[in-house]
Structures are given as C-alpha cells and as structure tokens.
C-alpha cells in the first residue's frame, strides 16, 4: 500500500479521497490554488502545496505544477478525483513515466473511451448496443447528408472528444444540417482541440442510465448495478438515484452485463461508469464511458456497501478485488441531491461567504461537502458545494428522508438550489418515477418563475 497520495483536485471530492486515504493509513498531499488557500481539503490533508493562481488553467489543470508538488512531497501516487485532469490520458502517462502510480485506468483505456468514435467501434466489436448512426467520424456536410438518409431526423452531431453535455447539436431537418454541422465542428475544435464529429439518431424520450464497474489488475471485473441519472438540466445532472426505478429486473441484468462487456473490451482497471440511453420500450444503447469516479458514486456505495474510493486505491496498489459478482448485493434505495451555490430557478452562480452552515443528520443521511461556516465560495469553479445522499428500504421512504434532510440543511450567506430540490421531490411525476431526460427542463418552463 502507498505511504503517501497526492490528491489532484479540490472541493468535496478532494475531501472524500483524503478521508478514504486516512482510513487506509495513507498520508495525503493537497494541492490548492490561491483562491482555495483556506479550503477544507487543505486543512484535512497532512501537507498542502499551492500550485498557482485562481484560474484553473494555471493551477488545477497545470500538469507541471502538480508533478512538481508530487516530487517535493515524495508522493507515491496521484488520485485525480473527477473533472480537471481526471480523464486526461497524457497526464496519466506523465504520472506513470515519472515512476508514480496513477489511481485510475490505464492511459490506453482512457484514450479509447475518451474518443467517442474509437469507443463506438470498440463497443461494436464487443456487441454492446449502439445508437444507429455513422460508422465513424463524419468529415463533411455531404457525408452528414448521407448519414441522415439512413438515420432520419432528428439526429445529433457530437464532438468525438466531447463530454459533460458539451459539443453536441440536435438537428431536426435537412435545412439546418449544414449550419449545425459546421458550428459543431468549429466548437469541437475550440473546446476540445479536436474537430472530429460523428452523428447518431437522436432519441426523443430516453432515460439516462449508467452502470458502475470496478476492475483490478488481475483480470477481475464486476458491476455494482445501475444508477438513474435522468433528472438533469442542460445535460448536467441535478439528482441521481440507485437503483433505477424505471427498469425491469430483466433489463437490469442485460444493461449491467452490457456495462461489464464494455469495460472488458478495454481491459478496464479501477472505477468507471458506462452510460446508456434507455427507450420507453426498455431497449438501450451505449452513450459513453466515464473513466473516473463519478460525482454520484455515493448512491452506489449506499446500496452495495462497497467503498468505491477505497477500492480505487486498493486496485491501483495491486490488490485483487475482495468480492465476486455474486457477492455484491443490492439493498434498499439511495438518492443524491447536488447542492449548488446558485439561484434555484435562474441558475445564476452565487459566490460569497457562508455565514452559517448546518448539515442535516440522522439515520442513513450522508453529506459530502467541503464547506464550513466562514468559508468563501470562490467564483472561479463549479458551483456545487455539497451533496446530500439518503438511503432507505424503498424509494418512497428514501424520498421522504431526503425531504427531511433538505429541510434541515441551513446555509446562510449564499443562495442555494435547495428550493429547487424541495419542489422536485414533491413533484407527482418524480414521485411516480414518470420522467425522462427532458422532465426537469419541461417542468421548469411550466413553473414560470
């Protein structure tokens, strides 16, 4: 096992990783920008190194600064968390070439699954269901028109190197195809440094289902069931739950098996997530793979009892998984609400000083956060400041527990999206699990706020 791990991230995920390391007896190094000098992760770690100014390109995205911090602190391994450099295969290669351990999948796995065109080809070889569309990259408007003849409209143009809901254009008619194609190609080049795009049939009313997998260096690979991630706005998740309330047991077995097949196709090691789109008829299609830990990993931890961060670290250290697929059981239901420092309905960010912070408690309530009374929420990063996760014997009980937890949460000094969660949890459609990926945005329009 490692004696010291550097956590190349900030916020609640940095705190989460530091806590897991402490429980494994591992010393930790926090890195921070000048804006995060007083952040909680710098206080909890054994050592803390400033790696640059507030702007992330010169701090949390600066590979030289992070590697220098690892060298001067004699760290043995680097955990990237999620976001920032977590899915950067070049960073992983540099870490490994420097003699350190990368707590994540191999750079090759990251490269294949990070390129959506290559990923689709590999999934096709593994017999994982794919959305109808182009066989690979589409290079011109003329090629796009040919693909459209087979897929029909609507279709969606996607950046091969995109992710997180960025680099996509929905096209509903041939008249708008050329403009959308050129715009998407230009945006892909600007945002991701790669103008490669591909085309898929656009599914009108799907749900977003993802399968959690975990593999080790000894050829063992398991799934830890699925998560429901359809409650989202602008392709950004707002609330997640596990298991999905929308699928049959037969579909659960099929989609989880497909997740394992997808990960096996790239010899996956560590924690990863295979994302699928699910149609109302229970047919499903591969969308992408996230080669890192997910924001919503706590709901899986609640229903399986498996500490995913701990096992990321153990697997990276060379340990075999301590459980077989048959030994992983699903118990109860879990829900996660993302608490953001933003207006609940206008979604404008709300940086500032937290004058009072009181976290909810009680049975089966978990709060992952990095804030405290007196903490200054900086304007430079993502607005998520906490995650509330509840677990109960069934979904209805879990919803009520979450409602109680949201009511107990007190944050004064910055505006949060708690009121959005209150109304969402009380929505009859949500309570009946009658929703898809468009549910939240359609409901928000009806509110007229």
Protein backbone atom coordinates (compact mmCIF):
# COMPACT_ATOMS: atom_id res chain seq x y z
CA UNK A 1 0.00 0.00 0.00
CA UNK A 2 1.13 3.57 -0.67
CA UNK A 3 2.61 5.65 2.12
CA UNK A 4 1.55 8.98 0.55
CA UNK A 5 -1.04 10.02 -2.07
CA UNK A 6 -1.36 13.41 -3.73
CA UNK A 7 -4.96 14.45 -4.46
CA UNK A 8 -5.01 16.46 -7.68
CA UNK A 9 -8.38 18.11 -7.12
CA UNK A 10 -10.39 20.39 -4.85
CA UNK A 11 -13.76 20.64 -3.10
CA UNK A 12 -15.81 17.74 -1.83
CA UNK A 13 -14.11 15.08 -3.97
CA UNK A 14 -10.69 16.06 -2.60
CA UNK A 15 -12.10 15.79 0.93
CA UNK A 16 -13.68 12.42 0.07
CA UNK A 17 -10.38 10.99 -1.21
CA UNK A 18 -8.38 12.37 1.73
CA UNK A 19 -10.78 10.73 4.18
CA UNK A 20 -10.53 7.39 2.38
CA UNK A 21 -6.73 7.59 2.48
CA UNK A 22 -6.74 8.34 6.20
CA UNK A 23 -8.85 5.26 6.84
CA UNK A 24 -6.28 3.21 4.91
CA UNK A 25 -3.41 4.70 6.91
CA UNK A 26 -2.08 6.70 3.96
CA UNK A 27 -0.63 10.20 4.30
CA UNK A 28 -2.07 12.79 1.93
CA UNK A 29 -0.98 15.85 0.00
CA UNK A 30 -3.50 18.52 -1.01
CA UNK A 31 -2.84 20.91 -3.85
CA UNK A 32 -4.65 24.22 -3.98
CA UNK A 33 -4.94 27.44 -5.93
CA UNK A 34 -4.58 30.84 -4.30
CA UNK A 35 -8.39 31.07 -4.20
CA UNK A 36 -8.53 27.83 -2.18
CA UNK A 37 -5.89 28.68 0.41
CA UNK A 38 -8.40 28.20 3.26
CA UNK A 39 -10.33 25.34 1.66
CA UNK A 40 -11.22 22.32 3.78
CA UNK A 41 -9.13 19.86 1.78
CA UNK A 42 -6.00 21.87 2.60
CA UNK A 43 -6.82 21.57 6.31
CA UNK A 44 -7.56 17.85 6.31
CA UNK A 45 -4.51 16.74 4.33
CA UNK A 46 -1.17 16.07 6.01
CA UNK A 47 0.54 18.51 3.63
CA UNK A 48 -0.76 21.26 1.33
CA UNK A 49 1.03 22.84 -1.62
CA UNK A 50 -0.06 25.96 -3.52
CA UNK A 51 0.16 25.25 -7.26
CA UNK A 52 -0.86 28.55 -8.78
CA UNK A 53 -3.43 31.34 -9.12
CA UNK A 54 -7.20 31.01 -9.01
CA UNK A 55 -7.64 30.41 -12.73
CA UNK A 56 -7.69 26.63 -13.14
CA UNK A 57 -5.55 26.55 -16.30
CA UNK A 58 -2.63 27.76 -14.18
CA UNK A 59 -3.35 25.60 -11.13
CA UNK A 60 -5.63 22.53 -11.13
CA UNK A 61 -5.07 22.00 -14.87
CA UNK A 62 -1.32 22.64 -14.72
CA UNK A 63 0.40 19.28 -15.09
CA UNK A 64 3.91 20.69 -14.38
CA UNK A 65 2.71 22.33 -11.15
CA UNK A 66 1.02 19.17 -9.91
CA UNK A 67 4.00 16.97 -10.78
CA UNK A 68 6.33 19.39 -9.01
CA UNK A 69 4.13 19.19 -5.91
CA UNK A 70 4.27 15.39 -6.03
CA UNK A 71 8.06 15.46 -6.34
CA UNK A 72 8.76 17.84 -3.46
CA UNK A 73 6.40 15.96 -1.13
CA UNK A 74 7.65 12.48 -2.09
CA UNK A 75 4.15 11.27 -3.02
CA UNK A 76 3.92 7.75 -4.40
CA UNK A 77 0.59 8.03 -6.20
CA UNK A 78 -1.82 10.61 -7.60
CA UNK A 79 -5.61 10.46 -7.34
CA UNK A 80 -7.25 12.83 -9.86
CA UNK A 81 -10.82 12.82 -8.47
CA UNK A 82 -13.29 13.88 -11.17
CA UNK A 83 -13.18 16.83 -13.56
CA UNK A 84 -10.00 18.83 -14.23
CA UNK A 85 -7.35 16.26 -15.30
CA UNK A 86 -9.19 13.10 -14.25
CA UNK A 87 -9.73 11.85 -17.82
CA UNK A 88 -6.54 13.26 -19.33
CA UNK A 89 -4.57 10.32 -20.67
CA UNK A 90 -1.49 12.49 -21.22
CA UNK A 91 -1.46 13.37 -17.52
CA UNK A 92 -1.81 9.68 -16.60
CA UNK A 93 1.12 8.81 -18.87
CA UNK A 94 3.31 11.52 -17.31
CA UNK A 95 2.45 10.29 -13.81
CA UNK A 96 3.39 6.72 -14.74
CA UNK A 97 6.55 7.76 -16.63
CA UNK A 98 7.65 9.69 -13.54
CA UNK A 99 7.60 6.49 -11.50
CA UNK A 100 4.39 7.32 -9.63
CA UNK A 101 1.17 5.32 -9.58
CA UNK A 102 -1.89 6.66 -11.39
CA UNK A 103 -5.01 5.86 -9.36
CA UNK A 104 -7.23 5.22 -12.32
CA UNK A 105 -7.46 3.18 -15.52
CA UNK A 106 -4.62 2.74 -17.99
CA UNK A 107 -3.90 5.65 -20.34
CA UNK A 108 -4.82 3.40 -23.27
CA UNK A 109 -8.27 2.66 -21.82
CA UNK A 110 -8.76 6.38 -21.27
CA UNK A 111 -7.72 7.21 -24.84
CA UNK A 112 -10.06 4.70 -26.43
CA UNK A 113 -13.08 5.57 -24.31
CA UNK A 114 -12.34 9.29 -24.39
CA UNK A 115 -12.62 9.31 -28.18
CA UNK A 116 -16.26 8.62 -28.91
CA UNK A 117 -15.59 7.40 -32.44
CA UNK A 118 -12.99 4.86 -31.26
CA UNK A 119 -15.23 3.93 -28.33
CA UNK A 120 -18.17 3.16 -30.63
CA UNK A 121 -16.02 0.91 -32.80
CA UNK A 122 -14.74 -0.98 -29.75
CA UNK A 123 -18.29 -1.32 -28.39
CA UNK A 124 -19.49 -2.64 -31.72
CA UNK A 125 -16.80 -5.32 -31.57
CA UNK A 126 -17.96 -6.21 -28.03
CA UNK A 127 -21.63 -6.47 -29.15
CA UNK A 128 -22.70 -3.61 -26.90
CA UNK A 129 -25.91 -2.00 -28.32
CA UNK A 130 -25.22 1.24 -30.20
CA UNK A 131 -27.46 4.09 -31.30
CA UNK A 132 -27.89 3.97 -35.12
CA UNK A 133 -25.63 6.49 -36.83
CA UNK A 134 -22.35 7.00 -38.64
CA UNK A 135 -19.79 4.19 -38.68
CA UNK A 136 -17.11 6.62 -37.60
CA UNK A 137 -16.07 10.22 -38.00
CA UNK A 138 -18.04 12.44 -40.38
CA UNK A 139 -15.79 14.89 -42.20
CA UNK A 140 -18.08 16.94 -44.40
CA UNK A 141 -21.62 18.21 -44.86
CA UNK A 142 -22.00 15.85 -47.81
CA UNK A 143 -21.12 12.86 -45.61
CA UNK A 144 -23.52 14.14 -42.96
CA UNK A 145 -26.34 14.21 -45.51
CA UNK A 146 -25.62 10.61 -46.47
CA UNK A 147 -25.76 9.51 -42.83
CA UNK A 148 -29.02 11.42 -42.38
CA UNK A 149 -30.62 9.39 -45.16
CA UNK A 150 -30.19 6.22 -43.11
CA UNK A 151 -30.83 7.59 -39.61
CA UNK A 152 -33.56 10.06 -40.48
CA UNK A 153 -34.32 13.16 -38.43
CA UNK A 154 -33.95 14.20 -35.69
CA UNK A 155 -30.28 13.39 -35.37
CA UNK A 156 -27.49 14.62 -33.12
CA UNK A 157 -23.99 15.72 -34.09
CA UNK A 158 -21.40 15.05 -31.38
CA UNK A 159 -17.78 16.01 -30.84
CA UNK A 160 -15.65 12.86 -30.68
CA UNK A 161 -13.64 14.30 -27.78
CA UNK A 162 -16.63 15.94 -26.07
CA UNK A 163 -18.26 15.15 -22.77
CA UNK A 164 -20.32 16.55 -19.93
CA UNK A 165 -23.08 17.56 -22.31
CA UNK A 166 -20.81 19.82 -24.37
CA UNK A 167 -20.05 19.66 -28.08
CA UNK A 168 -23.47 18.48 -29.29
CA UNK A 169 -26.03 19.82 -31.76
CA UNK A 170 -29.53 18.44 -32.35
CA UNK A 171 -30.72 18.69 -35.96
CA UNK A 172 -34.40 18.27 -36.81
CA UNK A 173 -34.40 18.93 -40.54
CA UNK A 174 -32.10 18.80 -43.56
CA UNK A 175 -32.41 22.58 -43.93
CA UNK A 176 -30.44 23.15 -40.72
CA UNK A 177 -27.98 20.27 -41.12
CA UNK A 178 -25.16 22.15 -42.86
CA UNK A 179 -25.10 25.04 -40.41
CA UNK A 180 -25.29 22.75 -37.38
CA UNK A 181 -22.51 20.52 -38.72
CA UNK A 182 -20.14 23.44 -39.32
CA UNK A 183 -20.90 25.00 -35.93
CA UNK A 184 -20.39 21.70 -34.09
CA UNK A 185 -17.11 21.07 -35.88
CA UNK A 186 -15.85 24.56 -35.03
CA UNK A 187 -16.94 24.27 -31.39
CA UNK A 188 -15.30 20.85 -31.10
CA UNK A 189 -12.01 22.32 -32.31
CA UNK A 190 -12.30 25.29 -29.94
CA UNK A 191 -13.40 23.39 -26.82
CA UNK A 192 -11.52 20.11 -27.18
CA UNK A 193 -8.74 20.77 -29.69
CA UNK A 194 -10.23 18.13 -31.99
CA UNK A 195 -12.73 18.94 -34.74
CA UNK A 196 -13.75 15.29 -35.25
CA UNK A 197 -17.50 14.77 -35.05
CA UNK A 198 -19.88 11.88 -35.59
CA UNK A 199 -23.63 11.51 -36.00
CA UNK A 200 -26.28 9.47 -34.19
CA UNK A 201 -30.03 9.14 -34.33
CA UNK A 202 -31.50 11.47 -31.70
CA UNK A 203 -33.70 9.62 -29.22
CA UNK A 204 -36.67 11.79 -28.28
CA UNK A 205 -37.75 10.48 -24.86
CA UNK A 206 -34.90 8.45 -23.35
CA UNK A 207 -33.79 7.98 -19.80
CA UNK A 208 -30.16 8.22 -18.75
CA UNK A 209 -28.98 5.03 -17.06
CA UNK A 210 -25.39 4.35 -16.04
CA UNK A 211 -23.67 1.20 -14.82
CA UNK A 212 -20.88 1.34 -12.23
CA UNK A 213 -17.99 -1.05 -12.84
CA UNK A 214 -14.82 -1.88 -10.93
CA UNK A 215 -11.86 -3.85 -12.24
CA UNK A 216 -8.49 -4.89 -10.85
CA UNK A 217 -5.08 -5.63 -12.37
CA UNK A 218 -5.69 -9.38 -12.19
CA UNK A 219 -8.48 -9.64 -14.74
CA UNK A 220 -11.39 -9.39 -12.30
CA UNK A 221 -14.21 -7.06 -13.33
CA UNK A 222 -17.63 -6.59 -11.72
CA UNK A 223 -20.59 -4.26 -11.94
CA UNK A 224 -22.22 -2.61 -8.93
CA UNK A 225 -25.65 -2.22 -10.54
CA UNK A 226 -27.06 0.87 -12.21
CA UNK A 227 -27.95 4.47 -11.41
CA UNK A 228 -30.81 6.61 -12.69
CA UNK A 229 -29.47 9.97 -13.89
CA UNK A 230 -32.35 11.36 -15.96
CA UNK A 231 -33.02 14.39 -13.75
CA UNK A 232 -30.78 16.88 -15.49
CA UNK A 233 -30.69 20.36 -16.93
CA UNK A 234 -28.62 21.33 -19.97
CA UNK A 235 -27.19 17.80 -19.87
CA UNK A 236 -25.94 18.43 -16.31
CA UNK A 237 -27.20 16.09 -13.61
CA UNK A 238 -29.16 17.57 -10.71
CA UNK A 239 -30.37 14.50 -8.82
CA UNK A 240 -29.36 10.83 -9.11
CA UNK A 241 -30.65 7.63 -7.58
CA UNK A 242 -29.89 3.93 -7.38
CA UNK A 243 -31.26 1.58 -8.42
CA UNK A 244 -33.21 2.95 -11.37
CA UNK A 245 -36.97 2.89 -10.69
CA UNK A 246 -37.66 2.62 -14.43
CA UNK A 247 -36.23 -0.72 -15.48
CA UNK A 248 -37.37 -4.31 -15.14
CA UNK A 249 -35.20 -6.92 -13.48
CA UNK A 250 -34.59 -8.47 -16.90
CA UNK A 251 -33.38 -5.13 -18.30
CA UNK A 252 -31.24 -4.61 -15.19
CA UNK A 253 -29.41 -7.85 -15.84
CA UNK A 254 -28.98 -7.04 -19.53
CA UNK A 255 -27.75 -3.48 -19.10
CA UNK A 256 -25.34 -4.40 -16.30
CA UNK A 257 -23.96 -7.24 -18.41
CA UNK A 258 -23.51 -4.78 -21.27
CA UNK A 259 -21.63 -2.47 -18.91
CA UNK A 260 -19.24 -5.26 -17.96
CA UNK A 261 -18.77 -6.19 -21.63
CA UNK A 262 -17.98 -2.56 -22.48
CA UNK A 263 -15.37 -2.27 -19.72
CA UNK A 264 -13.88 -5.68 -20.55
CA UNK A 265 -13.40 -4.54 -24.15
CA UNK A 266 -10.75 -2.06 -22.99
CA UNK A 267 -9.28 -4.22 -20.18
CA UNK A 268 -10.56 -1.71 -17.67
CA UNK A 269 -8.96 -1.25 -14.24
CA UNK A 270 -10.38 0.81 -11.37
CA UNK A 271 -13.73 2.55 -11.07
CA UNK A 272 -15.59 3.52 -14.23
CA UNK A 273 -19.09 4.22 -15.48
CA UNK A 274 -20.78 3.08 -18.67
CA UNK A 275 -23.59 5.45 -19.67
CA UNK A 276 -26.62 4.28 -21.65
CA UNK A 277 -29.77 5.79 -23.11
CA UNK A 278 -32.91 3.78 -22.31
CA UNK A 279 -36.01 3.95 -24.50
CA UNK A 280 -39.57 3.58 -23.16
CA UNK A 281 -39.67 0.04 -24.62
CA UNK A 282 -36.64 -0.87 -22.43
CA UNK A 283 -34.23 -1.03 -25.37
CA UNK A 284 -30.94 0.66 -24.52
CA UNK A 285 -27.86 1.99 -26.28
CA UNK A 286 -24.28 2.77 -25.29
CA UNK A 287 -23.61 6.50 -24.99
CA UNK A 288 -20.14 6.91 -23.46
CA UNK A 289 -17.82 5.78 -20.68
CA UNK A 290 -16.51 7.98 -17.87
CA UNK A 291 -13.05 6.68 -16.99
CA UNK A 292 -13.06 8.07 -13.46
CA UNK A 293 -15.09 8.18 -10.29
CA UNK A 294 -18.47 9.89 -10.69
CA UNK A 295 -20.00 12.71 -8.64
CA UNK A 296 -22.91 10.38 -7.88
CA UNK A 297 -20.84 7.42 -6.63
CA UNK A 298 -22.28 7.65 -3.08
CA UNK A 299 -25.68 6.25 -4.11
CA UNK A 300 -23.95 3.10 -5.35
CA UNK A 301 -21.94 2.89 -2.14
CA UNK A 302 -25.15 3.08 -0.12
CA UNK A 303 -26.98 0.28 -1.95
CA UNK A 304 -23.98 -2.08 -2.21
CA UNK A 305 -21.92 -1.28 0.90
CA UNK A 306 -18.77 -1.05 -1.27
CA UNK A 307 -16.41 1.90 -0.71
CA UNK A 308 -15.55 2.83 -4.30
CA UNK A 309 -12.78 5.31 -3.45
CA UNK A 310 -11.11 2.81 -1.14
CA UNK A 311 -11.16 0.20 -3.87
CA UNK A 312 -9.82 2.63 -6.45
CA UNK A 313 -6.80 2.99 -4.19
CA UNK A 314 -6.51 -0.71 -3.36
CA UNK A 315 -6.74 -1.72 -7.03
CA UNK A 316 -4.10 0.85 -8.02
CA UNK A 317 -1.83 -0.63 -5.31
CA UNK A 318 -2.19 -4.04 -6.97
CA UNK A 319 -4.74 -5.70 -4.71
CA UNK A 320 -7.33 -8.13 -6.03
CA UNK A 321 -11.00 -7.29 -5.65
CA UNK A 322 -12.25 -8.78 -2.40
CA UNK A 323 -15.65 -9.68 -3.81
CA UNK A 324 -17.10 -11.61 -6.74
CA UNK A 325 -20.12 -10.56 -8.77
CA UNK A 326 -22.33 -12.97 -6.85
CA UNK A 327 -21.27 -11.45 -3.54
CA UNK A 328 -22.37 -7.92 -4.50
CA UNK A 329 -25.96 -7.49 -3.35
CA UNK A 330 -28.31 -4.56 -3.76
CA UNK A 331 -30.04 -3.30 -0.63
CA UNK A 332 -32.63 -0.54 -0.49
CA UNK A 333 -32.72 2.72 -2.42
CA UNK A 334 -30.48 5.80 -2.41
CA UNK A 335 -30.91 9.35 -3.72
CA UNK A 336 -28.36 12.15 -4.14
CA UNK A 337 -29.19 15.86 -4.42
CA UNK A 338 -26.48 18.19 -5.68
CA UNK A 339 -26.46 21.39 -3.64
CA UNK A 340 -25.18 24.31 -5.72
CA UNK A 341 -24.40 27.88 -4.76
CA UNK A 342 -26.77 29.32 -7.34
CA UNK A 343 -30.25 30.72 -7.78
CA UNK A 344 -32.65 27.74 -7.65
CA UNK A 345 -34.50 28.69 -10.84
CA UNK A 346 -32.40 31.29 -12.67
CA UNK A 347 -29.26 29.16 -12.16
CA UNK A 348 -27.01 32.18 -11.78
CA UNK A 349 -23.97 31.48 -9.56
CA UNK A 350 -23.87 32.83 -6.01
CA UNK A 351 -20.29 33.08 -4.74
CA UNK A 352 -19.68 34.68 -1.36
CA UNK A 353 -19.05 33.95 2.30
CA UNK A 354 -21.06 31.28 4.09
CA UNK A 355 -22.14 32.98 7.30
CA UNK A 356 -23.76 29.86 8.76
CA UNK A 357 -23.63 26.21 7.76
CA UNK A 358 -25.53 23.39 9.42
CA UNK A 359 -25.57 19.94 7.81
CA UNK A 360 -28.52 17.55 8.16
CA UNK A 361 -28.08 14.33 10.11
CA UNK A 362 -29.97 11.32 11.33
CA UNK A 363 -30.22 7.76 10.16
CA UNK A 364 -28.87 6.97 6.67
CA UNK A 365 -28.16 10.60 5.77
CA UNK A 366 -24.75 11.36 4.30
CA UNK A 367 -23.35 14.79 3.40
CA UNK A 368 -20.30 15.09 1.16
CA UNK A 369 -19.12 18.68 1.31
CA UNK A 370 -16.09 20.91 1.71
CA UNK A 371 -17.80 23.99 3.15
CA UNK A 372 -17.99 25.36 6.69
CA UNK A 373 -19.16 28.49 8.47
CA UNK A 374 -16.90 31.29 7.29
CA UNK A 375 -15.92 29.55 4.05
CA UNK A 376 -15.72 31.79 0.99
CA UNK A 377 -17.27 30.17 -2.07
CA UNK A 378 -14.99 31.27 -4.94
CA UNK A 379 -16.43 32.37 -8.28
CA UNK A 380 -13.80 30.52 -10.31
CA UNK A 381 -15.06 26.92 -10.16
CA UNK A 382 -18.13 24.71 -10.40
CA UNK A 383 -20.99 25.91 -8.20
CA UNK A 384 -21.59 22.58 -6.43
CA UNK A 385 -20.77 22.97 -2.72
CA UNK A 386 -22.34 19.84 -1.23
CA UNK A 387 -24.11 16.57 -1.94
CA UNK A 388 -26.82 15.17 0.29
CA UNK A 389 -27.34 11.43 0.00
CA UNK A 390 -30.07 9.41 1.72
CA UNK A 391 -30.72 5.68 1.91
CA UNK A 392 -33.84 3.77 2.92
CA UNK A 393 -35.54 0.42 2.47
CA UNK A 394 -37.56 1.66 -0.53
CA UNK A 395 -37.81 4.66 -2.85
CA UNK A 396 -40.78 6.34 -1.14
CA UNK A 397 -39.08 6.22 2.25
CA UNK A 398 -35.87 7.48 0.66
CA UNK A 399 -37.67 10.47 -0.88
CA UNK A 400 -39.22 11.38 2.48
CA UNK A 401 -35.85 11.08 4.18
CA UNK A 402 -34.32 13.38 1.58
CA UNK A 403 -37.13 15.90 2.04
CA UNK A 404 -36.41 15.91 5.75
CA UNK A 405 -32.66 16.29 5.15
CA UNK A 406 -33.12 19.20 2.74
CA UNK A 407 -35.33 20.94 5.31
CA UNK A 408 -32.62 20.50 7.96
CA UNK A 409 -29.85 21.90 5.79
CA UNK A 410 -29.04 25.52 6.68
CA UNK A 411 -26.76 27.64 4.52
CA UNK A 412 -26.80 31.41 5.06
CA UNK A 413 -24.69 33.89 3.12
CA UNK A 414 -25.01 32.42 -0.38
CA UNK A 415 -28.08 31.44 -2.37
CA UNK A 416 -28.51 27.71 -2.98
CA UNK A 417 -30.73 25.50 -5.12
CA UNK A 418 -32.41 23.84 -2.11
CA UNK A 419 -35.83 25.18 -3.10
CA UNK A 420 -35.49 23.51 -6.48
CA UNK A 421 -34.88 20.18 -4.76
CA UNK A 422 -37.82 20.71 -2.38
CA UNK A 423 -40.22 21.26 -5.25
CA UNK A 424 -38.73 18.47 -7.33
CA UNK A 425 -39.00 15.90 -4.54
CA UNK A 426 -42.67 16.85 -4.06
CA UNK A 427 -43.47 16.67 -7.78
CA UNK A 428 -46.00 13.87 -8.50
CA UNK A 429 -44.22 12.90 -11.71
CA UNK A 430 -40.92 12.50 -9.90
CA UNK A 431 -42.53 10.60 -7.04
CA UNK A 432 -44.11 8.16 -9.51
CA UNK A 433 -40.79 7.89 -11.42
CA UNK A 434 -42.61 9.10 -14.52
CA UNK A 435 -39.79 11.06 -16.14
CA UNK A 436 -37.03 11.10 -18.75
CA UNK A 437 -34.06 13.36 -19.51
CA UNK A 438 -36.38 16.21 -20.60
CA UNK A 439 -38.52 16.14 -17.47
CA UNK A 440 -36.75 18.80 -15.42
CA UNK A 441 -36.46 21.39 -18.18
CA UNK A 442 -40.10 20.95 -19.22
CA UNK A 443 -41.25 21.23 -15.62
CA UNK A 444 -39.17 24.38 -15.05
CA UNK A 445 -40.84 26.03 -18.03
CA UNK A 446 -44.25 25.25 -16.52
CA UNK A 447 -43.28 26.91 -13.24
CA UNK A 448 -42.85 30.28 -15.00
CA UNK A 449 -40.52 31.57 -12.30
